[in-house]
Amino acid sequence: MKDIKRFIDHLECPIVDGIIFSDNRIQILEIESTSERPYEYFITPSLSTTIENLETKGELDISYCASMGGCMDPVIGINVICGEASWGSDGFIAVFEMMTQDLLWMAFFTESNPFHKVTVADGYIVATSTLNYIWKFDIKNPTNVSVNCLDMPY
């Protein structure tokens, strides 16, 4: 696997449901959702691992990502991109240090659907999926995440 810190150069990452940090740590997130409206997501931290650990165990699967949106916040010095990955239900958000473009952290989910819009607001990354769900991540503690499932127009 290529250096995750330079994700911006190769757009390659592990396929995991969770937060991937620049030092190769991964915080797996358990995600449960209701199957009826109003939809709700319940997200809780689970196992912690590393890219190296997954590779050693033969459990490292890689996805290639494509950016669909992005934004910058020069006040806090970050650049954020969001998009889709290898499968139609995958989505990612990646947060970079603005000057070096080194990855700070990224979120990857196998059932979120692609993220096509992202903003920074009040210390949070706010990303909209193609399902029109709003995912909100605490910039300093990205495992603190919530999802608002807006009603679809159909």
N, C-alpha and C. Protein backbone atom coordinates (compact mmCIF):
# COMPACT_ATOMS: atom_id res chain seq x y z
N MET A 1 0.85 -1.18 0.00
CA MET A 1 0.00 0.00 0.00
C MET A 1 0.89 1.23 0.00
N LYS A 2 0.48 2.23 -0.74
CA LYS A 2 1.22 3.49 -0.79
C LYS A 2 1.03 4.27 0.50
N ASP A 3 1.93 5.21 0.75
CA ASP A 3 1.92 6.02 1.97
C ASP A 3 0.60 6.78 2.10
N ILE A 4 -0.18 6.48 3.13
CA ILE A 4 -1.50 7.11 3.31
C ILE A 4 -1.37 8.61 3.53
N LYS A 5 -0.26 9.05 4.10
CA LYS A 5 -0.07 10.49 4.32
C LYS A 5 -0.11 11.27 3.00
N ARG A 6 0.28 10.61 1.91
CA ARG A 6 0.27 11.25 0.59
C ARG A 6 -0.93 10.79 -0.25
N PHE A 7 -2.03 10.53 0.42
CA PHE A 7 -3.27 10.09 -0.24
C PHE A 7 -3.62 10.99 -1.43
N ILE A 8 -3.40 12.28 -1.31
CA ILE A 8 -3.74 13.23 -2.37
C ILE A 8 -3.03 12.91 -3.68
N ASP A 9 -1.87 12.26 -3.60
CA ASP A 9 -1.09 11.95 -4.80
C ASP A 9 -1.56 10.69 -5.51
N HIS A 10 -2.13 9.72 -4.78
CA HIS A 10 -2.47 8.44 -5.39
C HIS A 10 -3.93 8.02 -5.22
N LEU A 11 -4.65 8.66 -4.30
CA LEU A 11 -6.08 8.39 -4.06
C LEU A 11 -6.37 6.90 -3.85
N GLU A 12 -5.51 6.25 -3.07
CA GLU A 12 -5.63 4.84 -2.75
C GLU A 12 -5.72 4.69 -1.24
N CYS A 13 -6.71 3.91 -0.76
CA CYS A 13 -6.86 3.76 0.69
C CYS A 13 -7.42 2.39 1.04
N PRO A 14 -7.32 2.03 2.32
CA PRO A 14 -7.91 0.77 2.77
C PRO A 14 -9.44 0.82 2.72
N ILE A 15 -10.03 -0.33 2.45
CA ILE A 15 -11.48 -0.46 2.51
C ILE A 15 -11.84 -0.85 3.94
N VAL A 16 -12.29 0.12 4.71
CA VAL A 16 -12.69 -0.08 6.10
C VAL A 16 -13.85 0.85 6.39
N ASP A 17 -14.65 0.52 7.35
CA ASP A 17 -15.65 1.46 7.83
C ASP A 17 -15.04 2.14 9.04
N GLY A 18 -14.54 3.35 8.82
CA GLY A 18 -13.92 4.04 9.94
C GLY A 18 -13.06 5.21 9.54
N ILE A 19 -12.22 5.61 10.48
CA ILE A 19 -11.33 6.76 10.32
C ILE A 19 -9.90 6.25 10.17
N ILE A 20 -9.22 6.74 9.14
CA ILE A 20 -7.84 6.38 8.86
C ILE A 20 -6.99 7.62 9.13
N PHE A 21 -5.99 7.47 9.98
CA PHE A 21 -5.13 8.59 10.35
C PHE A 21 -3.81 8.55 9.57
N SER A 22 -3.13 9.68 9.51
CA SER A 22 -1.90 9.80 8.73
C SER A 22 -0.77 8.91 9.24
N ASP A 23 -0.83 8.49 10.50
CA ASP A 23 0.21 7.61 11.05
C ASP A 23 -0.15 6.13 10.87
N ASN A 24 -1.12 5.84 9.98
CA ASN A 24 -1.55 4.48 9.62
C ASN A 24 -2.49 3.83 10.64
N ARG A 25 -2.86 4.54 11.71
CA ARG A 25 -3.85 4.00 12.64
C ARG A 25 -5.22 4.02 11.97
N ILE A 26 -6.03 3.04 12.33
CA ILE A 26 -7.40 2.98 11.84
C ILE A 26 -8.32 2.76 13.03
N GLN A 27 -9.32 3.62 13.15
CA GLN A 27 -10.36 3.42 14.15
C GLN A 27 -11.59 2.89 13.41
N ILE A 28 -11.87 1.61 13.60
CA ILE A 28 -13.05 1.02 12.98
C ILE A 28 -14.30 1.57 13.67
N LEU A 29 -15.32 1.88 12.88
CA LEU A 29 -16.59 2.35 13.41
C LEU A 29 -17.67 1.34 13.07
N GLU A 30 -18.42 0.94 14.07
CA GLU A 30 -19.58 0.07 13.86
C GLU A 30 -20.75 0.96 13.49
N ILE A 31 -21.41 0.62 12.40
CA ILE A 31 -22.52 1.45 11.92
C ILE A 31 -23.77 0.60 11.80
N GLU A 32 -24.80 1.03 12.47
CA GLU A 32 -26.10 0.38 12.38
C GLU A 32 -27.10 1.45 11.96
N SER A 33 -28.10 1.03 11.21
CA SER A 33 -29.13 1.98 10.80
C SER A 33 -30.49 1.31 10.85
N THR A 34 -31.50 2.14 11.00
CA THR A 34 -32.86 1.62 10.97
C THR A 34 -33.26 1.41 9.51
N SER A 35 -34.21 0.54 9.28
CA SER A 35 -34.61 0.24 7.91
C SER A 35 -35.90 0.96 7.51
N GLU A 36 -36.48 1.71 8.44
CA GLU A 36 -37.71 2.43 8.12
C GLU A 36 -37.56 3.91 8.45
N ARG A 37 -38.36 4.72 7.78
CA ARG A 37 -38.32 6.15 8.04
C ARG A 37 -38.94 6.46 9.38
N PRO A 38 -38.46 7.43 10.10
CA PRO A 38 -37.28 8.23 9.75
C PRO A 38 -36.01 7.42 10.00
N TYR A 39 -35.13 7.38 9.01
CA TYR A 39 -33.89 6.62 9.11
C TYR A 39 -33.00 7.22 10.18
N GLU A 40 -32.32 6.35 10.91
CA GLU A 40 -31.36 6.79 11.92
C GLU A 40 -30.11 5.95 11.80
N TYR A 41 -28.97 6.59 12.03
CA TYR A 41 -27.68 5.89 12.06
C TYR A 41 -27.16 5.92 13.50
N PHE A 42 -26.60 4.79 13.91
CA PHE A 42 -25.96 4.67 15.21
C PHE A 42 -24.51 4.28 14.95
N ILE A 43 -23.58 5.16 15.30
CA ILE A 43 -22.17 4.96 14.99
C ILE A 43 -21.38 4.92 16.29
N THR A 44 -20.65 3.83 16.50
CA THR A 44 -19.84 3.69 17.71
C THR A 44 -18.45 3.18 17.35
N PRO A 45 -17.42 3.72 18.01
CA PRO A 45 -16.07 3.19 17.80
C PRO A 45 -15.98 1.73 18.21
N SER A 46 -15.22 0.97 17.44
CA SER A 46 -15.04 -0.45 17.71
C SER A 46 -13.55 -0.72 17.85
N LEU A 47 -13.04 -1.66 17.12
CA LEU A 47 -11.63 -2.03 17.17
C LEU A 47 -10.73 -0.93 16.62
N SER A 48 -9.51 -0.88 17.14
CA SER A 48 -8.47 -0.05 16.56
C SER A 48 -7.45 -0.99 15.94
N THR A 49 -6.91 -0.60 14.81
CA THR A 49 -5.90 -1.40 14.13
C THR A 49 -4.98 -0.46 13.37
N THR A 50 -4.15 -1.03 12.53
CA THR A 50 -3.27 -0.24 11.67
C THR A 50 -3.29 -0.82 10.26
N ILE A 51 -2.83 -0.04 9.32
CA ILE A 51 -2.71 -0.52 7.95
C ILE A 51 -1.75 -1.71 7.92
N GLU A 52 -0.64 -1.60 8.66
CA GLU A 52 0.35 -2.68 8.68
C GLU A 52 -0.24 -3.97 9.26
N ASN A 53 -1.03 -3.85 10.31
CA ASN A 53 -1.65 -5.01 10.92
C ASN A 53 -2.59 -5.72 9.95
N LEU A 54 -3.40 -4.96 9.25
CA LEU A 54 -4.30 -5.55 8.26
C LEU A 54 -3.51 -6.23 7.15
N GLU A 55 -2.43 -5.59 6.72
CA GLU A 55 -1.60 -6.17 5.66
C GLU A 55 -0.95 -7.47 6.11
N THR A 56 -0.41 -7.49 7.33
CA THR A 56 0.23 -8.69 7.88
C THR A 56 -0.76 -9.85 7.95
N LYS A 57 -2.01 -9.56 8.33
CA LYS A 57 -3.04 -10.60 8.45
C LYS A 57 -3.65 -10.99 7.10
N GLY A 58 -3.25 -10.31 6.03
CA GLY A 58 -3.85 -10.59 4.72
C GLY A 58 -5.26 -10.05 4.59
N GLU A 59 -5.60 -9.05 5.41
CA GLU A 59 -6.96 -8.49 5.43
C GLU A 59 -7.02 -7.07 4.86
N LEU A 60 -5.96 -6.64 4.18
CA LEU A 60 -5.92 -5.29 3.64
C LEU A 60 -6.45 -5.28 2.21
N ASP A 61 -7.63 -4.74 2.03
CA ASP A 61 -8.20 -4.53 0.70
C ASP A 61 -8.10 -3.04 0.39
N ILE A 62 -7.77 -2.73 -0.86
CA ILE A 62 -7.51 -1.37 -1.29
C ILE A 62 -8.61 -0.88 -2.23
N SER A 63 -8.95 0.39 -2.09
CA SER A 63 -9.90 1.03 -2.98
C SER A 63 -9.24 2.23 -3.63
N TYR A 64 -9.65 2.52 -4.85
CA TYR A 64 -9.22 3.72 -5.53
C TYR A 64 -10.36 4.72 -5.47
N CYS A 65 -10.04 5.94 -5.16
CA CYS A 65 -11.04 6.96 -4.90
C CYS A 65 -11.05 8.02 -5.99
N ALA A 66 -12.18 8.67 -6.17
CA ALA A 66 -12.33 9.78 -7.12
C ALA A 66 -13.02 10.93 -6.40
N SER A 67 -12.44 12.11 -6.51
CA SER A 67 -12.99 13.29 -5.86
C SER A 67 -14.21 13.79 -6.60
N MET A 68 -15.26 14.14 -5.82
CA MET A 68 -16.48 14.70 -6.38
C MET A 68 -16.75 16.11 -5.84
N GLY A 69 -15.96 16.53 -4.87
CA GLY A 69 -16.18 17.85 -4.28
C GLY A 69 -15.07 18.18 -3.32
N GLY A 70 -15.04 19.42 -2.89
CA GLY A 70 -14.02 19.82 -1.94
C GLY A 70 -14.23 21.24 -1.45
N CYS A 71 -13.44 21.59 -0.46
CA CYS A 71 -13.45 22.95 0.07
C CYS A 71 -12.16 23.19 0.83
N MET A 72 -11.90 24.45 1.12
CA MET A 72 -10.73 24.84 1.91
C MET A 72 -11.19 25.72 3.06
N ASP A 73 -10.44 25.67 4.14
CA ASP A 73 -10.64 26.60 5.24
C ASP A 73 -9.28 27.18 5.60
N PRO A 74 -8.94 28.35 5.04
CA PRO A 74 -7.62 28.94 5.29
C PRO A 74 -7.42 29.39 6.73
N VAL A 75 -8.50 29.62 7.47
CA VAL A 75 -8.37 30.05 8.85
C VAL A 75 -7.77 28.94 9.71
N ILE A 76 -8.27 27.71 9.54
CA ILE A 76 -7.69 26.60 10.30
C ILE A 76 -6.66 25.83 9.49
N GLY A 77 -6.48 26.20 8.21
CA GLY A 77 -5.40 25.64 7.40
C GLY A 77 -5.63 24.23 6.90
N ILE A 78 -6.87 23.95 6.47
CA ILE A 78 -7.13 22.62 5.93
C ILE A 78 -7.76 22.68 4.55
N ASN A 79 -7.55 21.60 3.83
CA ASN A 79 -8.18 21.34 2.53
C ASN A 79 -8.94 20.04 2.70
N VAL A 80 -10.16 19.97 2.17
CA VAL A 80 -10.99 18.78 2.33
C VAL A 80 -11.50 18.36 0.96
N ILE A 81 -11.43 17.05 0.67
CA ILE A 81 -12.06 16.53 -0.53
C ILE A 81 -13.00 15.39 -0.12
N CYS A 82 -13.96 15.13 -0.98
CA CYS A 82 -14.89 14.04 -0.74
C CYS A 82 -15.19 13.38 -2.07
N GLY A 83 -15.74 12.17 -2.01
CA GLY A 83 -16.07 11.52 -3.26
C GLY A 83 -16.50 10.08 -3.11
N GLU A 84 -16.21 9.34 -4.18
CA GLU A 84 -16.62 7.96 -4.27
C GLU A 84 -15.41 7.06 -4.39
N ALA A 85 -15.65 5.78 -4.22
CA ALA A 85 -14.56 4.81 -4.31
C ALA A 85 -14.95 3.71 -5.30
N SER A 86 -14.31 2.58 -5.17
CA SER A 86 -14.43 1.51 -6.16
C SER A 86 -15.85 0.97 -6.35
N TRP A 87 -16.65 0.94 -5.29
CA TRP A 87 -17.99 0.38 -5.38
C TRP A 87 -19.01 1.51 -5.24
N GLY A 88 -20.17 1.33 -5.78
CA GLY A 88 -21.18 2.38 -5.81
C GLY A 88 -21.66 2.85 -4.46
N SER A 89 -21.54 2.01 -3.44
CA SER A 89 -22.02 2.40 -2.11
C SER A 89 -20.93 3.03 -1.26
N ASP A 90 -19.68 3.03 -1.72
CA ASP A 90 -18.55 3.57 -0.95
C ASP A 90 -18.49 5.10 -1.03
N GLY A 91 -18.04 5.71 0.06
CA GLY A 91 -17.80 7.15 0.07
C GLY A 91 -16.64 7.47 0.98
N PHE A 92 -15.99 8.61 0.73
CA PHE A 92 -14.87 9.02 1.57
C PHE A 92 -14.85 10.54 1.73
N ILE A 93 -14.21 10.96 2.81
CA ILE A 93 -13.89 12.36 3.10
C ILE A 93 -12.44 12.36 3.55
N ALA A 94 -11.62 13.25 2.98
CA ALA A 94 -10.21 13.32 3.36
C ALA A 94 -9.85 14.76 3.73
N VAL A 95 -9.17 14.90 4.87
CA VAL A 95 -8.80 16.22 5.40
C VAL A 95 -7.28 16.32 5.36
N PHE A 96 -6.79 17.40 4.72
CA PHE A 96 -5.36 17.61 4.53
C PHE A 96 -4.88 18.89 5.19
N GLU A 97 -3.62 18.90 5.59
CA GLU A 97 -2.96 20.13 6.03
C GLU A 97 -2.76 20.96 4.77
N MET A 98 -3.21 22.20 4.78
CA MET A 98 -3.25 23.02 3.57
C MET A 98 -1.88 23.27 2.94
N MET A 99 -0.88 23.56 3.75
CA MET A 99 0.43 23.92 3.19
C MET A 99 1.17 22.72 2.60
N THR A 100 1.15 21.59 3.27
CA THR A 100 1.92 20.42 2.81
C THR A 100 1.09 19.44 1.99
N GLN A 101 -0.24 19.53 2.10
CA GLN A 101 -1.17 18.57 1.50
C GLN A 101 -1.00 17.16 2.07
N ASP A 102 -0.40 17.06 3.27
CA ASP A 102 -0.32 15.78 3.97
C ASP A 102 -1.69 15.48 4.58
N LEU A 103 -2.09 14.22 4.51
CA LEU A 103 -3.35 13.79 5.09
C LEU A 103 -3.31 13.94 6.61
N LEU A 104 -4.36 14.49 7.18
CA LEU A 104 -4.53 14.51 8.63
C LEU A 104 -5.35 13.29 9.05
N TRP A 105 -6.49 13.11 8.39
CA TRP A 105 -7.34 11.93 8.60
C TRP A 105 -8.31 11.81 7.44
N MET A 106 -8.83 10.62 7.28
CA MET A 106 -9.89 10.42 6.29
C MET A 106 -10.92 9.44 6.85
N ALA A 107 -12.13 9.61 6.38
CA ALA A 107 -13.23 8.71 6.73
C ALA A 107 -13.59 7.93 5.48
N PHE A 108 -13.79 6.63 5.64
CA PHE A 108 -14.18 5.78 4.52
C PHE A 108 -15.31 4.89 5.01
N PHE A 109 -16.35 4.78 4.19
CA PHE A 109 -17.51 3.96 4.56
C PHE A 109 -17.98 3.17 3.35
N THR A 110 -18.30 1.91 3.58
CA THR A 110 -18.72 1.04 2.50
C THR A 110 -20.22 1.13 2.18
N GLU A 111 -20.98 1.78 3.04
CA GLU A 111 -22.43 1.87 2.82
C GLU A 111 -22.96 3.30 2.91
N SER A 112 -22.10 4.28 2.83
CA SER A 112 -22.55 5.68 2.95
C SER A 112 -23.09 6.24 1.65
N ASN A 113 -22.71 5.64 0.54
CA ASN A 113 -22.84 6.19 -0.80
C ASN A 113 -21.81 7.32 -0.95
N PRO A 114 -21.51 7.70 -2.17
CA PRO A 114 -20.51 8.75 -2.39
C PRO A 114 -20.91 10.07 -1.74
N PHE A 115 -19.89 10.83 -1.36
CA PHE A 115 -20.10 12.18 -0.85
C PHE A 115 -19.81 13.15 -2.00
N HIS A 116 -20.75 14.05 -2.27
CA HIS A 116 -20.57 14.96 -3.40
C HIS A 116 -20.43 16.43 -2.99
N LYS A 117 -20.61 16.72 -1.71
CA LYS A 117 -20.49 18.09 -1.24
C LYS A 117 -19.91 18.07 0.16
N VAL A 118 -18.99 19.02 0.43
CA VAL A 118 -18.38 19.09 1.75
C VAL A 118 -18.13 20.55 2.11
N THR A 119 -18.34 20.87 3.39
CA THR A 119 -18.07 22.21 3.90
C THR A 119 -17.42 22.09 5.27
N VAL A 120 -16.87 23.21 5.73
CA VAL A 120 -16.32 23.30 7.08
C VAL A 120 -17.16 24.34 7.82
N ALA A 121 -17.65 23.96 9.00
CA ALA A 121 -18.50 24.88 9.76
C ALA A 121 -18.34 24.63 11.26
N ASP A 122 -17.93 25.64 11.99
CA ASP A 122 -17.89 25.60 13.46
C ASP A 122 -17.11 24.40 14.02
N GLY A 123 -15.97 24.09 13.42
CA GLY A 123 -15.14 23.00 13.92
C GLY A 123 -15.55 21.62 13.43
N TYR A 124 -16.42 21.57 12.45
CA TYR A 124 -16.90 20.30 11.91
C TYR A 124 -16.73 20.25 10.40
N ILE A 125 -16.51 19.03 9.89
CA ILE A 125 -16.59 18.75 8.47
C ILE A 125 -18.02 18.27 8.25
N VAL A 126 -18.73 18.88 7.31
CA VAL A 126 -20.11 18.51 7.02
C VAL A 126 -20.15 18.04 5.57
N ALA A 127 -20.46 16.76 5.37
CA ALA A 127 -20.45 16.16 4.03
C ALA A 127 -21.83 15.65 3.69
N THR A 128 -22.24 15.87 2.44
CA THR A 128 -23.54 15.40 1.96
C THR A 128 -23.33 14.24 1.01
N SER A 129 -24.03 13.14 1.29
CA SER A 129 -23.93 11.97 0.41
C SER A 129 -24.93 12.10 -0.73
N THR A 130 -24.77 11.24 -1.73
CA THR A 130 -25.70 11.24 -2.85
C THR A 130 -27.09 10.76 -2.44
N LEU A 131 -27.22 10.23 -1.23
CA LEU A 131 -28.54 9.90 -0.67
C LEU A 131 -29.17 11.10 0.02
N ASN A 132 -28.44 12.22 0.02
CA ASN A 132 -28.86 13.46 0.68
C ASN A 132 -28.81 13.34 2.20
N TYR A 133 -27.92 12.45 2.71
CA TYR A 133 -27.69 12.33 4.14
C TYR A 133 -26.53 13.25 4.51
N ILE A 134 -26.66 13.92 5.63
CA ILE A 134 -25.63 14.85 6.10
C ILE A 134 -24.80 14.17 7.18
N TRP A 135 -23.51 13.99 6.89
CA TRP A 135 -22.56 13.38 7.83
C TRP A 135 -21.73 14.51 8.43
N LYS A 136 -21.63 14.53 9.75
CA LYS A 136 -20.93 15.61 10.45
C LYS A 136 -19.82 15.02 11.32
N PHE A 137 -18.57 15.48 11.08
CA PHE A 137 -17.38 14.98 11.76
C PHE A 137 -16.72 16.10 12.54
N ASP A 138 -16.39 15.86 13.79
CA ASP A 138 -15.60 16.79 14.59
C ASP A 138 -14.18 16.79 14.00
N ILE A 139 -13.68 17.93 13.57
CA ILE A 139 -12.37 18.00 12.92
C ILE A 139 -11.27 17.46 13.82
N LYS A 140 -11.31 17.81 15.10
CA LYS A 140 -10.25 17.39 16.03
C LYS A 140 -10.44 15.96 16.55
N ASN A 141 -11.65 15.45 16.49
CA ASN A 141 -11.94 14.10 16.95
C ASN A 141 -12.92 13.46 15.96
N PRO A 142 -12.42 13.03 14.79
CA PRO A 142 -13.32 12.58 13.73
C PRO A 142 -14.12 11.33 14.04
N THR A 143 -13.78 10.61 15.11
CA THR A 143 -14.61 9.47 15.48
C THR A 143 -15.92 9.93 16.11
N ASN A 144 -16.01 11.22 16.41
CA ASN A 144 -17.25 11.83 16.86
C ASN A 144 -18.01 12.23 15.59
N VAL A 145 -18.86 11.35 15.12
CA VAL A 145 -19.57 11.54 13.85
C VAL A 145 -21.06 11.29 14.05
N SER A 146 -21.85 12.06 13.32
CA SER A 146 -23.30 11.86 13.36
C SER A 146 -23.84 11.95 11.94
N VAL A 147 -25.03 11.39 11.74
CA VAL A 147 -25.66 11.39 10.42
C VAL A 147 -27.09 11.88 10.56
N ASN A 148 -27.46 12.82 9.70
CA ASN A 148 -28.82 13.32 9.63
C ASN A 148 -29.40 12.84 8.30
N CYS A 149 -30.40 11.99 8.36
CA CYS A 149 -31.00 11.40 7.16
C CYS A 149 -32.20 12.25 6.75
N LEU A 150 -31.97 13.16 5.83
CA LEU A 150 -33.05 14.01 5.34
C LEU A 150 -33.99 13.18 4.48
N ASP A 151 -35.25 13.53 4.48
CA ASP A 151 -36.22 12.81 3.65
C ASP A 151 -35.90 13.02 2.18
N MET A 152 -36.00 11.97 1.43
CA MET A 152 -35.78 12.03 -0.01
C MET A 152 -37.04 12.61 -0.67
N PRO A 153 -36.86 13.29 -1.80
CA PRO A 153 -38.01 13.93 -2.46
C PRO A 153 -38.93 12.96 -3.18
N TYR A 154 -38.65 11.67 -3.16
CA TYR A 154 -39.52 10.70 -3.85
C TYR A 154 -40.11 9.70 -2.90
